[in-house]
């Protein structure tokens, strides 16, 4: 069973993400601005997951993140035209997910090291 641990940074991230959605609705006719707004908004919305997982490295099931990476790589492979608008979103999320997975493995290893030294 999960637990709820909402702190102020989670609320701030939520507010920024909602503002990002509203800004997207305003700028949806400008692709570059829309992409930037959506990308920043979504990355900010992922910050609480980083925080929660840092506090409890085993709280996230990692196979879903591997599937997400596979999906993003397949999206990049399927693109017929590569330009900033078509590739940047997938590349951004590949970087975010690889950073997240690397951090989780580091946090898990640190947790195991602390258990061994006790």
PDB file of N, CA and C in Angstrom:
ATOM      1  N   UNK A   1       0.838  -1.178   0.000  1.00  0.00           N
ATOM      2  CA  UNK A   1       0.000   0.000   0.000  1.00  0.00           C
ATOM      3  C   UNK A   1       0.881   1.239   0.000  1.00  0.00           C
ATOM      4  N   UNK A   2       0.526   2.222  -0.791  1.00  0.00           N
ATOM      5  CA  UNK A   2       1.315   3.433  -0.916  1.00  0.00           C
ATOM      6  C   UNK A   2       1.101   4.385   0.246  1.00  0.00           C
ATOM      7  N   UNK A   3       1.814   5.457   0.196  1.00  0.00           N
ATOM      8  CA  UNK A   3       1.676   6.471   1.226  1.00  0.00           C
ATOM      9  C   UNK A   3       1.688   7.840   0.552  1.00  0.00           C
ATOM     10  N   UNK A   4       1.161   8.818   1.238  1.00  0.00           N
ATOM     11  CA  UNK A   4       1.081  10.169   0.714  1.00  0.00           C
ATOM     12  C   UNK A   4       2.038  11.054   1.491  1.00  0.00           C
ATOM     13  N   UNK A   5       2.942  11.676   0.774  1.00  0.00           N
ATOM     14  CA  UNK A   5       3.906  12.570   1.402  1.00  0.00           C
ATOM     15  C   UNK A   5       4.047  13.805   0.523  1.00  0.00           C
ATOM     16  N   UNK A   6       3.142  14.742   0.697  1.00  0.00           N
ATOM     17  CA  UNK A   6       3.152  15.952  -0.118  1.00  0.00           C
ATOM     18  C   UNK A   6       3.830  17.062   0.677  1.00  0.00           C
ATOM     19  N   UNK A   7       4.818  17.687   0.055  1.00  0.00           N
ATOM     20  CA  UNK A   7       5.513  18.803   0.686  1.00  0.00           C
ATOM     21  C   UNK A   7       5.325  20.029  -0.203  1.00  0.00           C
ATOM     22  N   UNK A   8       5.813  21.151   0.228  1.00  0.00           N
ATOM     23  CA  UNK A   8       5.597  22.417  -0.469  1.00  0.00           C
ATOM     24  C   UNK A   8       6.142  22.378  -1.895  1.00  0.00           C
ATOM     25  N   UNK A   9       7.289  21.733  -2.110  1.00  0.00           N
ATOM     26  CA  UNK A   9       7.856  21.685  -3.464  1.00  0.00           C
ATOM     27  C   UNK A   9       6.920  20.939  -4.418  1.00  0.00           C
ATOM     28  N   UNK A  10       6.209  19.934  -3.924  1.00  0.00           N
ATOM     29  CA  UNK A  10       5.243  19.220  -4.756  1.00  0.00           C
ATOM     30  C   UNK A  10       4.119  20.156  -5.193  1.00  0.00           C
ATOM     31  N   UNK A  11       3.652  20.980  -4.279  1.00  0.00           N
ATOM     32  CA  UNK A  11       2.583  21.927  -4.597  1.00  0.00           C
ATOM     33  C   UNK A  11       3.056  22.993  -5.574  1.00  0.00           C
ATOM     34  N   UNK A  12       4.290  23.438  -5.402  1.00  0.00           N
ATOM     35  CA  UNK A  12       4.858  24.425  -6.321  1.00  0.00           C
ATOM     36  C   UNK A  12       4.978  23.828  -7.721  1.00  0.00           C
ATOM     37  N   UNK A  13       5.462  22.604  -7.799  1.00  0.00           N
ATOM     38  CA  UNK A  13       5.581  21.924  -9.098  1.00  0.00           C
ATOM     39  C   UNK A  13       4.212  21.770  -9.754  1.00  0.00           C
ATOM     40  N   UNK A  14       3.207  21.428  -8.972  1.00  0.00           N
ATOM     41  CA  UNK A  14       1.852  21.307  -9.509  1.00  0.00           C
ATOM     42  C   UNK A  14       1.361  22.650 -10.054  1.00  0.00           C
ATOM     43  N   UNK A  15       1.582  23.712  -9.296  1.00  0.00           N
ATOM     44  CA  UNK A  15       1.140  25.038  -9.751  1.00  0.00           C
ATOM     45  C   UNK A  15       1.846  25.443 -11.043  1.00  0.00           C
ATOM     46  N   UNK A  16       3.152  25.218 -11.105  1.00  0.00           N
ATOM     47  CA  UNK A  16       3.899  25.566 -12.315  1.00  0.00           C
ATOM     48  C   UNK A  16       3.411  24.741 -13.502  1.00  0.00           C
ATOM     49  N   UNK A  17       3.121  23.470 -13.285  1.00  0.00           N
ATOM     50  CA  UNK A  17       2.623  22.621 -14.358  1.00  0.00           C
ATOM     51  C   UNK A  17       1.258  23.081 -14.860  1.00  0.00           C
ATOM     52  N   UNK A  18       0.385  23.459 -13.947  1.00  0.00           N
ATOM     53  CA  UNK A  18      -0.933  23.969 -14.351  1.00  0.00           C
ATOM     54  C   UNK A  18      -0.782  25.277 -15.119  1.00  0.00           C
ATOM     55  N   UNK A  19       0.102  26.152 -14.660  1.00  0.00           N
ATOM     56  CA  UNK A  19       0.367  27.394 -15.384  1.00  0.00           C
ATOM     57  C   UNK A  19       0.903  27.082 -16.787  1.00  0.00           C
ATOM     58  N   UNK A  20       1.751  26.045 -16.866  1.00  0.00           N
ATOM     59  CA  UNK A  20       2.278  25.631 -18.160  1.00  0.00           C
ATOM     60  C   UNK A  20       1.184  25.166 -19.103  1.00  0.00           C
ATOM     61  N   UNK A  21       0.211  24.444 -18.584  1.00  0.00           N
ATOM     62  CA  UNK A  21      -0.915  23.986 -19.410  1.00  0.00           C
ATOM     63  C   UNK A  21      -1.727  25.183 -19.903  1.00  0.00           C
ATOM     64  N   UNK A  22      -1.954  26.125 -19.020  1.00  0.00           N
ATOM     65  CA  UNK A  22      -2.694  27.331 -19.421  1.00  0.00           C
ATOM     66  C   UNK A  22      -1.916  28.136 -20.467  1.00  0.00           C
ATOM     67  N   UNK A  23      -0.607  28.240 -20.270  1.00  0.00           N
ATOM     68  CA  UNK A  23       0.221  28.966 -21.242  1.00  0.00           C
ATOM     69  C   UNK A  23       0.217  28.247 -22.590  1.00  0.00           C
ATOM     70  N   UNK A  24       0.223  26.925 -22.555  1.00  0.00           N
ATOM     71  CA  UNK A  24       0.153  26.156 -23.807  1.00  0.00           C
ATOM     72  C   UNK A  24      -1.143  26.479 -24.542  1.00  0.00           C
ATOM     73  N   UNK A  25      -2.241  26.572 -23.819  1.00  0.00           N
ATOM     74  CA  UNK A  25      -3.527  26.886 -24.445  1.00  0.00           C
ATOM     75  C   UNK A  25      -3.485  28.253 -25.122  1.00  0.00           C
ATOM     76  N   UNK A  26      -2.733  29.173 -24.567  1.00  0.00           N
ATOM     77  CA  UNK A  26      -2.617  30.509 -25.147  1.00  0.00           C
ATOM     78  C   UNK A  26      -1.713  30.497 -26.384  1.00  0.00           C
ATOM     79  N   UNK A  27      -0.576  29.755 -26.307  1.00  0.00           N
ATOM     80  CA  UNK A  27       0.438  29.784 -27.368  1.00  0.00           C
ATOM     81  C   UNK A  27       0.393  28.573 -28.296  1.00  0.00           C
ATOM     82  N   UNK A  28      -0.709  27.842 -28.332  1.00  0.00           N
ATOM     83  CA  UNK A  28      -0.758  26.606 -29.108  1.00  0.00           C
ATOM     84  C   UNK A  28      -0.542  26.809 -30.611  1.00  0.00           C
ATOM     85  N   UNK A  29      -0.678  28.000 -31.100  1.00  0.00           N
ATOM     86  CA  UNK A  29      -0.462  28.248 -32.527  1.00  0.00           C
ATOM     87  C   UNK A  29       1.006  28.493 -32.860  1.00  0.00           C
ATOM     88  N   UNK A  30       1.845  28.610 -31.837  1.00  0.00           N
ATOM     89  CA  UNK A  30       3.280  28.818 -32.046  1.00  0.00           C
ATOM     90  C   UNK A  30       4.007  27.546 -31.593  1.00  0.00           C
ATOM     91  N   UNK A  31       4.375  26.674 -32.538  1.00  0.00           N
ATOM     92  CA  UNK A  31       4.903  25.351 -32.194  1.00  0.00           C
ATOM     93  C   UNK A  31       6.137  25.362 -31.289  1.00  0.00           C
ATOM     94  N   UNK A  32       7.081  26.228 -31.550  1.00  0.00           N
ATOM     95  CA  UNK A  32       8.306  26.237 -30.757  1.00  0.00           C
ATOM     96  C   UNK A  32       8.031  26.650 -29.312  1.00  0.00           C
ATOM     97  N   UNK A  33       7.233  27.679 -29.142  1.00  0.00           N
ATOM     98  CA  UNK A  33       6.881  28.136 -27.794  1.00  0.00           C
ATOM     99  C   UNK A  33       6.057  27.058 -27.081  1.00  0.00           C
ATOM    100  N   UNK A  34       5.124  26.463 -27.791  1.00  0.00           N
ATOM    101  CA  UNK A  34       4.298  25.403 -27.205  1.00  0.00           C
ATOM    102  C   UNK A  34       5.150  24.231 -26.748  1.00  0.00           C
ATOM    103  N   UNK A  35       6.096  23.815 -27.586  1.00  0.00           N
ATOM    104  CA  UNK A  35       6.977  22.701 -27.228  1.00  0.00           C
ATOM    105  C   UNK A  35       7.796  23.032 -25.988  1.00  0.00           C
ATOM    106  N   UNK A  36       8.325  24.237 -25.930  1.00  0.00           N
ATOM    107  CA  UNK A  36       9.118  24.646 -24.769  1.00  0.00           C
ATOM    108  C   UNK A  36       8.266  24.650 -23.503  1.00  0.00           C
ATOM    109  N   UNK A  37       7.070  25.186 -23.593  1.00  0.00           N
ATOM    110  CA  UNK A  37       6.186  25.257 -22.422  1.00  0.00           C
ATOM    111  C   UNK A  37       5.815  23.852 -21.940  1.00  0.00           C
ATOM    112  N   UNK A  38       5.412  23.001 -22.856  1.00  0.00           N
ATOM    113  CA  UNK A  38       5.016  21.641 -22.485  1.00  0.00           C
ATOM    114  C   UNK A  38       6.199  20.880 -21.910  1.00  0.00           C
ATOM    115  N   UNK A  39       7.363  21.011 -22.525  1.00  0.00           N
ATOM    116  CA  UNK A  39       8.547  20.281 -22.053  1.00  0.00           C
ATOM    117  C   UNK A  39       8.937  20.705 -20.646  1.00  0.00           C
ATOM    118  N   UNK A  40       9.018  22.007 -20.428  1.00  0.00           N
ATOM    119  CA  UNK A  40       9.384  22.501 -19.091  1.00  0.00           C
ATOM    120  C   UNK A  40       8.329  22.100 -18.067  1.00  0.00           C
ATOM    121  N   UNK A  41       7.082  22.230 -18.436  1.00  0.00           N
ATOM    122  CA  UNK A  41       5.989  21.889 -17.530  1.00  0.00           C
ATOM    123  C   UNK A  41       6.038  20.413 -17.134  1.00  0.00           C
ATOM    124  N   UNK A  42       6.266  19.532 -18.101  1.00  0.00           N
ATOM    125  CA  UNK A  42       6.299  18.107 -17.790  1.00  0.00           C
ATOM    126  C   UNK A  42       7.528  17.714 -16.969  1.00  0.00           C
ATOM    127  N   UNK A  43       8.667  18.307 -17.270  1.00  0.00           N
ATOM    128  CA  UNK A  43       9.866  17.995 -16.479  1.00  0.00           C
ATOM    129  C   UNK A  43       9.671  18.467 -15.040  1.00  0.00           C
ATOM    130  N   UNK A  44       9.100  19.638 -14.867  1.00  0.00           N
ATOM    131  CA  UNK A  44       8.830  20.137 -13.513  1.00  0.00           C
ATOM    132  C   UNK A  44       7.851  19.207 -12.792  1.00  0.00           C
ATOM    133  N   UNK A  45       6.883  18.687 -13.517  1.00  0.00           N
ATOM    134  CA  UNK A  45       5.915  17.790 -12.875  1.00  0.00           C
ATOM    135  C   UNK A  45       6.544  16.459 -12.459  1.00  0.00           C
ATOM    136  N   UNK A  46       7.726  16.161 -12.980  1.00  0.00           N
ATOM    137  CA  UNK A  46       8.428  14.917 -12.622  1.00  0.00           C
ATOM    138  C   UNK A  46       9.306  15.089 -11.376  1.00  0.00           C
ATOM    139  N   UNK A  47       9.545  16.313 -10.961  1.00  0.00           N
ATOM    140  CA  UNK A  47      10.402  16.573  -9.795  1.00  0.00           C
ATOM    141  C   UNK A  47       9.898  15.872  -8.534  1.00  0.00           C
ATOM    142  N   UNK A  48       8.593  15.876  -8.229  1.00  0.00           N
ATOM    143  CA  UNK A  48       8.148  15.148  -7.036  1.00  0.00           C
ATOM    144  C   UNK A  48       8.464  13.649  -7.071  1.00  0.00           C
ATOM    145  N   UNK A  49       8.483  13.065  -8.257  1.00  0.00           N
ATOM    146  CA  UNK A  49       8.852  11.651  -8.368  1.00  0.00           C
ATOM    147  C   UNK A  49      10.317  11.465  -7.985  1.00  0.00           C
ATOM    148  N   UNK A  50      11.181  12.364  -8.433  1.00  0.00           N
ATOM    149  CA  UNK A  50      12.592  12.318  -8.025  1.00  0.00           C
ATOM    150  C   UNK A  50      12.700  12.405  -6.503  1.00  0.00           C
ATOM    151  N   UNK A  51      11.981  13.371  -5.915  1.00  0.00           N
ATOM    152  CA  UNK A  51      12.063  13.582  -4.469  1.00  0.00           C
ATOM    153  C   UNK A  51      11.586  12.360  -3.697  1.00  0.00           C
ATOM    154  N   UNK A  52      10.444  11.830  -4.117  1.00  0.00           N
ATOM    155  CA  UNK A  52       9.882  10.662  -3.430  1.00  0.00           C
ATOM    156  C   UNK A  52      10.812   9.463  -3.547  1.00  0.00           C
ATOM    157  N   UNK A  53      11.375   9.278  -4.730  1.00  0.00           N
ATOM    158  CA  UNK A  53      12.238   8.118  -4.944  1.00  0.00           C
ATOM    159  C   UNK A  53      13.573   8.280  -4.232  1.00  0.00           C
ATOM    160  N   UNK A  54      14.047   9.493  -4.086  1.00  0.00           N
ATOM    161  CA  UNK A  54      15.278   9.706  -3.314  1.00  0.00           C
ATOM    162  C   UNK A  54      15.054   9.312  -1.854  1.00  0.00           C
ATOM    163  N   UNK A  55      13.878   9.631  -1.329  1.00  0.00           N
ATOM    164  CA  UNK A  55      13.567   9.281   0.053  1.00  0.00           C
ATOM    165  C   UNK A  55      13.329   7.785   0.235  1.00  0.00           C
ATOM    166  N   UNK A  56      12.799   7.132  -0.786  1.00  0.00           N
ATOM    167  CA  UNK A  56      12.528   5.693  -0.725  1.00  0.00           C
ATOM    168  C   UNK A  56      12.850   5.080  -2.092  1.00  0.00           C
ATOM    169  N   UNK A  57      14.120   4.714  -2.328  1.00  0.00           N
ATOM    170  CA  UNK A  57      14.550   4.261  -3.650  1.00  0.00           C
ATOM    171  C   UNK A  57      13.824   3.026  -4.190  1.00  0.00           C
ATOM    172  N   UNK A  58      13.192   2.275  -3.329  1.00  0.00           N
ATOM    173  CA  UNK A  58      12.485   1.075  -3.794  1.00  0.00           C
ATOM    174  C   UNK A  58      10.987   1.319  -4.000  1.00  0.00           C
ATOM    175  N   UNK A  59      10.569   2.566  -3.938  1.00  0.00           N
ATOM    176  CA  UNK A  59       9.138   2.872  -4.079  1.00  0.00           C
ATOM    177  C   UNK A  59       8.675   2.875  -5.526  1.00  0.00           C
ATOM    178  N   UNK A  60       9.589   2.974  -6.462  1.00  0.00           N
ATOM    179  CA  UNK A  60       9.231   2.991  -7.884  1.00  0.00           C
ATOM    180  C   UNK A  60       9.580   1.653  -8.524  1.00  0.00           C
ATOM    181  N   UNK A  61       8.674   1.172  -9.359  1.00  0.00           N
ATOM    182  CA  UNK A  61       8.923  -0.031 -10.142  1.00  0.00           C
ATOM    183  C   UNK A  61       9.625   0.394 -11.430  1.00  0.00           C
ATOM    184  N   UNK A  62      10.832  -0.072 -11.646  1.00  0.00           N
ATOM    185  CA  UNK A  62      11.638   0.425 -12.755  1.00  0.00           C
ATOM    186  C   UNK A  62      11.281  -0.133 -14.131  1.00  0.00           C
ATOM    187  N   UNK A  63      10.686  -1.315 -14.261  1.00  0.00           N
ATOM    188  CA  UNK A  63      10.365  -1.806 -15.621  1.00  0.00           C
ATOM    189  C   UNK A  63       9.522  -0.848 -16.449  1.00  0.00           C
ATOM    190  N   UNK A  64       8.628  -0.108 -15.835  1.00  0.00           N
ATOM    191  CA  UNK A  64       7.826   0.841 -16.615  1.00  0.00           C
ATOM    192  C   UNK A  64       8.700   1.951 -17.203  1.00  0.00           C
ATOM    193  N   UNK A  65       9.763   2.310 -16.512  1.00  0.00           N
ATOM    194  CA  UNK A  65      10.672   3.323 -17.038  1.00  0.00           C
ATOM    195  C   UNK A  65      11.508   2.764 -18.193  1.00  0.00           C
ATOM    196  N   UNK A  66      11.860   1.479 -18.123  1.00  0.00           N
ATOM    197  CA  UNK A  66      12.561   0.852 -19.249  1.00  0.00           C
ATOM    198  C   UNK A  66      11.667   0.804 -20.480  1.00  0.00           C
ATOM    199  N   UNK A  67      10.396   0.506 -20.278  1.00  0.00           N
ATOM    200  CA  UNK A  67       9.458   0.495 -21.400  1.00  0.00           C
ATOM    201  C   UNK A  67       9.290   1.898 -21.975  1.00  0.00           C
ATOM    202  N   UNK A  68       9.265   2.891 -21.120  1.00  0.00           N
ATOM    203  CA  UNK A  68       9.182   4.270 -21.585  1.00  0.00           C
ATOM    204  C   UNK A  68      10.410   4.626 -22.422  1.00  0.00           C
ATOM    205  N   UNK A  69      11.592   4.216 -21.970  1.00  0.00           N
ATOM    206  CA  UNK A  69      12.808   4.460 -22.755  1.00  0.00           C
ATOM    207  C   UNK A  69      12.720   3.788 -24.116  1.00  0.00           C
ATOM    208  N   UNK A  70      12.264   2.546 -24.136  1.00  0.00           N
ATOM    209  CA  UNK A  70      12.112   1.829 -25.401  1.00  0.00           C
ATOM    210  C   UNK A  70      11.158   2.579 -26.324  1.00  0.00           C
ATOM    211  N   UNK A  71      10.039   3.028 -25.774  1.00  0.00           N
ATOM    212  CA  UNK A  71       9.062   3.784 -26.565  1.00  0.00           C
ATOM    213  C   UNK A  71       9.683   5.041 -27.159  1.00  0.00           C
ATOM    214  N   UNK A  72      10.440   5.774 -26.356  1.00  0.00           N
ATOM    215  CA  UNK A  72      11.047   7.018 -26.830  1.00  0.00           C
ATOM    216  C   UNK A  72      12.090   6.762 -27.916  1.00  0.00           C
ATOM    217  N   UNK A  73      12.867   5.698 -27.753  1.00  0.00           N
ATOM    218  CA  UNK A  73      13.860   5.353 -28.777  1.00  0.00           C
ATOM    219  C   UNK A  73      13.162   4.944 -30.067  1.00  0.00           C
ATOM    220  N   UNK A  74      12.086   4.173 -29.954  1.00  0.00           N
ATOM    221  CA  UNK A  74      11.337   3.779 -31.147  1.00  0.00           C
ATOM    222  C   UNK A  74      10.702   4.989 -31.835  1.00  0.00           C
ATOM    223  N   UNK A  75      10.238   5.942 -31.054  1.00  0.00           N
ATOM    224  CA  UNK A  75       9.694   7.167 -31.642  1.00  0.00           C
ATOM    225  C   UNK A  75      10.773   7.882 -32.453  1.00  0.00           C
ATOM    226  N   UNK A  76      11.970   7.990 -31.876  1.00  0.00           N
ATOM    227  CA  UNK A  76      13.061   8.643 -32.602  1.00  0.00           C
ATOM    228  C   UNK A  76      13.426   7.872 -33.870  1.00  0.00           C
ATOM    229  N   UNK A  77      13.443   6.553 -33.779  1.00  0.00           N
ATOM    230  CA  UNK A  77      13.784   5.732 -34.951  1.00  0.00           C
ATOM    231  C   UNK A  77      12.718   5.846 -36.041  1.00  0.00           C
ATOM    232  N   UNK A  78      11.475   6.070 -35.664  1.00  0.00           N
ATOM    233  CA  UNK A  78      10.382   6.113 -36.624  1.00  0.00           C
ATOM    234  C   UNK A  78      10.219   7.469 -37.306  1.00  0.00           C
ATOM    235  N   UNK A  79      10.891   8.471 -36.807  1.00  0.00           N
ATOM    236  CA  UNK A  79      10.747   9.806 -37.409  1.00  0.00           C
ATOM    237  C   UNK A  79      11.264   9.802 -38.845  1.00  0.00           C
ATOM    238  N   UNK A  80      10.496  10.396 -39.721  1.00  0.00           N
ATOM    239  CA  UNK A  80      10.928  10.507 -41.113  1.00  0.00           C
ATOM    240  C   UNK A  80      11.750  11.764 -41.330  1.00  0.00           C
ATOM    241  N   UNK A  81      11.471  12.777 -40.546  1.00  0.00           N
ATOM    242  CA  UNK A  81      12.204  14.038 -40.645  1.00  0.00           C
ATOM    243  C   UNK A  81      12.701  14.406 -39.249  1.00  0.00           C
ATOM    244  N   UNK A  82      14.008  14.640 -39.148  1.00  0.00           N
ATOM    245  CA  UNK A  82      14.582  15.034 -37.869  1.00  0.00           C
ATOM    246  C   UNK A  82      14.802  16.539 -37.864  1.00  0.00           C
ATOM    247  N   UNK A  83      14.166  17.203 -36.952  1.00  0.00           N
ATOM    248  CA  UNK A  83      14.431  18.609 -36.697  1.00  0.00           C
ATOM    249  C   UNK A  83      14.172  18.858 -35.217  1.00  0.00           C
ATOM    250  N   UNK A  84      14.378  20.070 -34.792  1.00  0.00           N
ATOM    251  CA  UNK A  84      14.241  20.377 -33.367  1.00  0.00           C
ATOM    252  C   UNK A  84      12.853  20.031 -32.835  1.00  0.00           C
ATOM    253  N   UNK A  85      11.832  20.377 -33.587  1.00  0.00           N
ATOM    254  CA  UNK A  85      10.466  20.139 -33.117  1.00  0.00           C
ATOM    255  C   UNK A  85      10.124  18.657 -33.035  1.00  0.00           C
ATOM    256  N   UNK A  86      10.615  17.853 -33.960  1.00  0.00           N
ATOM    257  CA  UNK A  86      10.227  16.446 -33.964  1.00  0.00           C
ATOM    258  C   UNK A  86      11.043  15.597 -33.000  1.00  0.00           C
ATOM    259  N   UNK A  87      12.286  15.960 -32.768  1.00  0.00           N
ATOM    260  CA  UNK A  87      13.159  15.093 -31.971  1.00  0.00           C
ATOM    261  C   UNK A  87      13.390  15.558 -30.534  1.00  0.00           C
ATOM    262  N   UNK A  88      13.259  16.839 -30.267  1.00  0.00           N
ATOM    263  CA  UNK A  88      13.682  17.359 -28.967  1.00  0.00           C
ATOM    264  C   UNK A  88      12.879  16.807 -27.792  1.00  0.00           C
ATOM    265  N   UNK A  89      11.595  16.608 -27.963  1.00  0.00           N
ATOM    266  CA  UNK A  89      10.775  16.111 -26.851  1.00  0.00           C
ATOM    267  C   UNK A  89      11.237  14.717 -26.411  1.00  0.00           C
ATOM    268  N   UNK A  90      11.416  13.822 -27.374  1.00  0.00           N
ATOM    269  CA  UNK A  90      11.866  12.464 -27.041  1.00  0.00           C
ATOM    270  C   UNK A  90      13.270  12.475 -26.453  1.00  0.00           C
ATOM    271  N   UNK A  91      14.143  13.287 -27.030  1.00  0.00           N
ATOM    272  CA  UNK A  91      15.513  13.358 -26.514  1.00  0.00           C
ATOM    273  C   UNK A  91      15.522  13.898 -25.088  1.00  0.00           C
ATOM    274  N   UNK A  92      14.744  14.926 -24.842  1.00  0.00           N
ATOM    275  CA  UNK A  92      14.647  15.475 -23.484  1.00  0.00           C
ATOM    276  C   UNK A  92      14.234  14.393 -22.496  1.00  0.00           C
ATOM    277  N   UNK A  93      13.184  13.632 -22.833  1.00  0.00           N
ATOM    278  CA  UNK A  93      12.697  12.619 -21.906  1.00  0.00           C
ATOM    279  C   UNK A  93      13.640  11.435 -21.780  1.00  0.00           C
ATOM    280  N   UNK A  94      14.388  11.123 -22.816  1.00  0.00           N
ATOM    281  CA  UNK A  94      15.419  10.088 -22.689  1.00  0.00           C
ATOM    282  C   UNK A  94      16.450  10.534 -21.665  1.00  0.00           C
ATOM    283  N   UNK A  95      16.883  11.779 -21.748  1.00  0.00           N
ATOM    284  CA  UNK A  95      17.855  12.320 -20.780  1.00  0.00           C
ATOM    285  C   UNK A  95      17.272  12.298 -19.368  1.00  0.00           C
ATOM    286  N   UNK A  96      16.025  12.720 -19.210  1.00  0.00           N
ATOM    287  CA  UNK A  96      15.389  12.753 -17.885  1.00  0.00           C
ATOM    288  C   UNK A  96      15.278  11.342 -17.310  1.00  0.00           C
ATOM    289  N   UNK A  97      14.816  10.385 -18.108  1.00  0.00           N
ATOM    290  CA  UNK A  97      14.614   9.022 -17.608  1.00  0.00           C
ATOM    291  C   UNK A  97      15.940   8.331 -17.317  1.00  0.00           C
ATOM    292  N   UNK A  98      16.949   8.525 -18.162  1.00  0.00           N
ATOM    293  CA  UNK A  98      18.269   7.939 -17.892  1.00  0.00           C
ATOM    294  C   UNK A  98      18.852   8.543 -16.617  1.00  0.00           C
ATOM    295  N   UNK A  99      18.690   9.846 -16.439  1.00  0.00           N
ATOM    296  CA  UNK A  99      19.155  10.491 -15.200  1.00  0.00           C
ATOM    297  C   UNK A  99      18.408   9.934 -13.996  1.00  0.00           C
ATOM    298  N   UNK A 100      17.110   9.769 -14.130  1.00  0.00           N
ATOM    299  CA  UNK A 100      16.302   9.222 -13.041  1.00  0.00           C
ATOM    300  C   UNK A 100      16.744   7.798 -12.704  1.00  0.00           C
ATOM    301  N   UNK A 101      16.875   6.948 -13.708  1.00  0.00           N
ATOM    302  CA  UNK A 101      17.277   5.555 -13.457  1.00  0.00           C
ATOM    303  C   UNK A 101      18.672   5.481 -12.840  1.00  0.00           C
ATOM    304  N   UNK A 102      19.595   6.303 -13.335  1.00  0.00           N
ATOM    305  CA  UNK A 102      20.942   6.328 -12.756  1.00  0.00           C
ATOM    306  C   UNK A 102      20.891   6.756 -11.294  1.00  0.00           C
ATOM    307  N   UNK A 103      20.074   7.751 -11.015  1.00  0.00           N
ATOM    308  CA  UNK A 103      19.930   8.225  -9.630  1.00  0.00           C
ATOM    309  C   UNK A 103      19.334   7.142  -8.743  1.00  0.00           C
ATOM    310  N   UNK A 104      18.325   6.444  -9.236  1.00  0.00           N
ATOM    311  CA  UNK A 104      17.695   5.381  -8.445  1.00  0.00           C
ATOM    312  C   UNK A 104      18.708   4.296  -8.123  1.00  0.00           C
ATOM    313  N   UNK A 105      19.495   3.885  -9.110  1.00  0.00           N
ATOM    314  CA  UNK A 105      20.514   2.853  -8.848  1.00  0.00           C
ATOM    315  C   UNK A 105      21.544   3.345  -7.838  1.00  0.00           C
ATOM    316  N   UNK A 106      21.934   4.609  -7.931  1.00  0.00           N
ATOM    317  CA  UNK A 106      22.868   5.166  -6.973  1.00  0.00           C
ATOM    318  C   UNK A 106      22.258   5.185  -5.570  1.00  0.00           C
ATOM    319  N   UNK A 107      21.007   5.645  -5.462  1.00  0.00           N
ATOM    320  CA  UNK A 107      20.348   5.705  -4.156  1.00  0.00           C
ATOM    321  C   UNK A 107      20.161   4.317  -3.569  1.00  0.00           C
ATOM    322  N   UNK A 108      19.832   3.355  -4.408  1.00  0.00           N
ATOM    323  CA  UNK A 108      19.668   1.985  -3.919  1.00  0.00           C
ATOM    324  C   UNK A 108      21.001   1.415  -3.436  1.00  0.00           C
ATOM    325  N   UNK A 109      22.063   1.670  -4.179  1.00  0.00           N
ATOM    326  CA  UNK A 109      23.383   1.187  -3.775  1.00  0.00           C
ATOM    327  C   UNK A 109      23.809   1.848  -2.467  1.00  0.00           C
ATOM    328  N   UNK A 110      23.529   3.125  -2.329  1.00  0.00           N
ATOM    329  CA  UNK A 110      23.874   3.832  -1.089  1.00  0.00           C
ATOM    330  C   UNK A 110      23.095   3.268   0.090  1.00  0.00           C
ATOM    331  N   UNK A 111      21.832   2.949  -0.144  1.00  0.00           N
ATOM    332  CA  UNK A 111      21.010   2.383   0.914  1.00  0.00           C
ATOM    333  C   UNK A 111      21.547   1.009   1.329  1.00  0.00           C
ATOM    334  N   UNK A 112      21.939   0.213   0.353  1.00  0.00           N
ATOM    335  CA  UNK A 112      22.497  -1.109   0.659  1.00  0.00           C
ATOM    336  C   UNK A 112      23.813  -0.976   1.415  1.00  0.00           C
ATOM    337  N   UNK A 113      24.644  -0.021   1.033  1.00  0.00           N
ATOM    338  CA  UNK A 113      25.926   0.199   1.710  1.00  0.00           C
ATOM    339  C   UNK A 113      25.696   0.607   3.163  1.00  0.00           C
ATOM    340  N   UNK A 114      24.695   1.436   3.405  1.00  0.00           N
ATOM    341  CA  UNK A 114      24.389   1.843   4.787  1.00  0.00           C
ATOM    342  C   UNK A 114      23.909   0.653   5.610  1.00  0.00           C
ATOM    343  N   UNK A 115      23.127  -0.243   5.002  1.00  0.00           N
ATOM    344  CA  UNK A 115      22.649  -1.423   5.717  1.00  0.00           C
ATOM    345  C   UNK A 115      23.805  -2.353   6.075  1.00  0.00           C
ATOM    346  N   UNK A 116      24.769  -2.468   5.179  1.00  0.00           N
ATOM    347  CA  UNK A 116      25.908  -3.360   5.415  1.00  0.00           C
ATOM    348  C   UNK A 116      26.786  -2.820   6.531  1.00  0.00           C
ATOM    349  N   UNK A 117      26.975  -1.500   6.596  1.00  0.00           N
ATOM    350  CA  UNK A 117      27.855  -0.908   7.610  1.00  0.00           C
ATOM    351  C   UNK A 117      27.209  -0.834   8.984  1.00  0.00           C
ATOM    352  N   UNK A 118      25.909  -1.072   9.060  1.00  0.00           N
ATOM    353  CA  UNK A 118      25.242  -1.014  10.392  1.00  0.00           C
ATOM    354  C   UNK A 118      25.505  -2.249  11.186  1.00  0.00           C
TER     355      UNK A 118
END
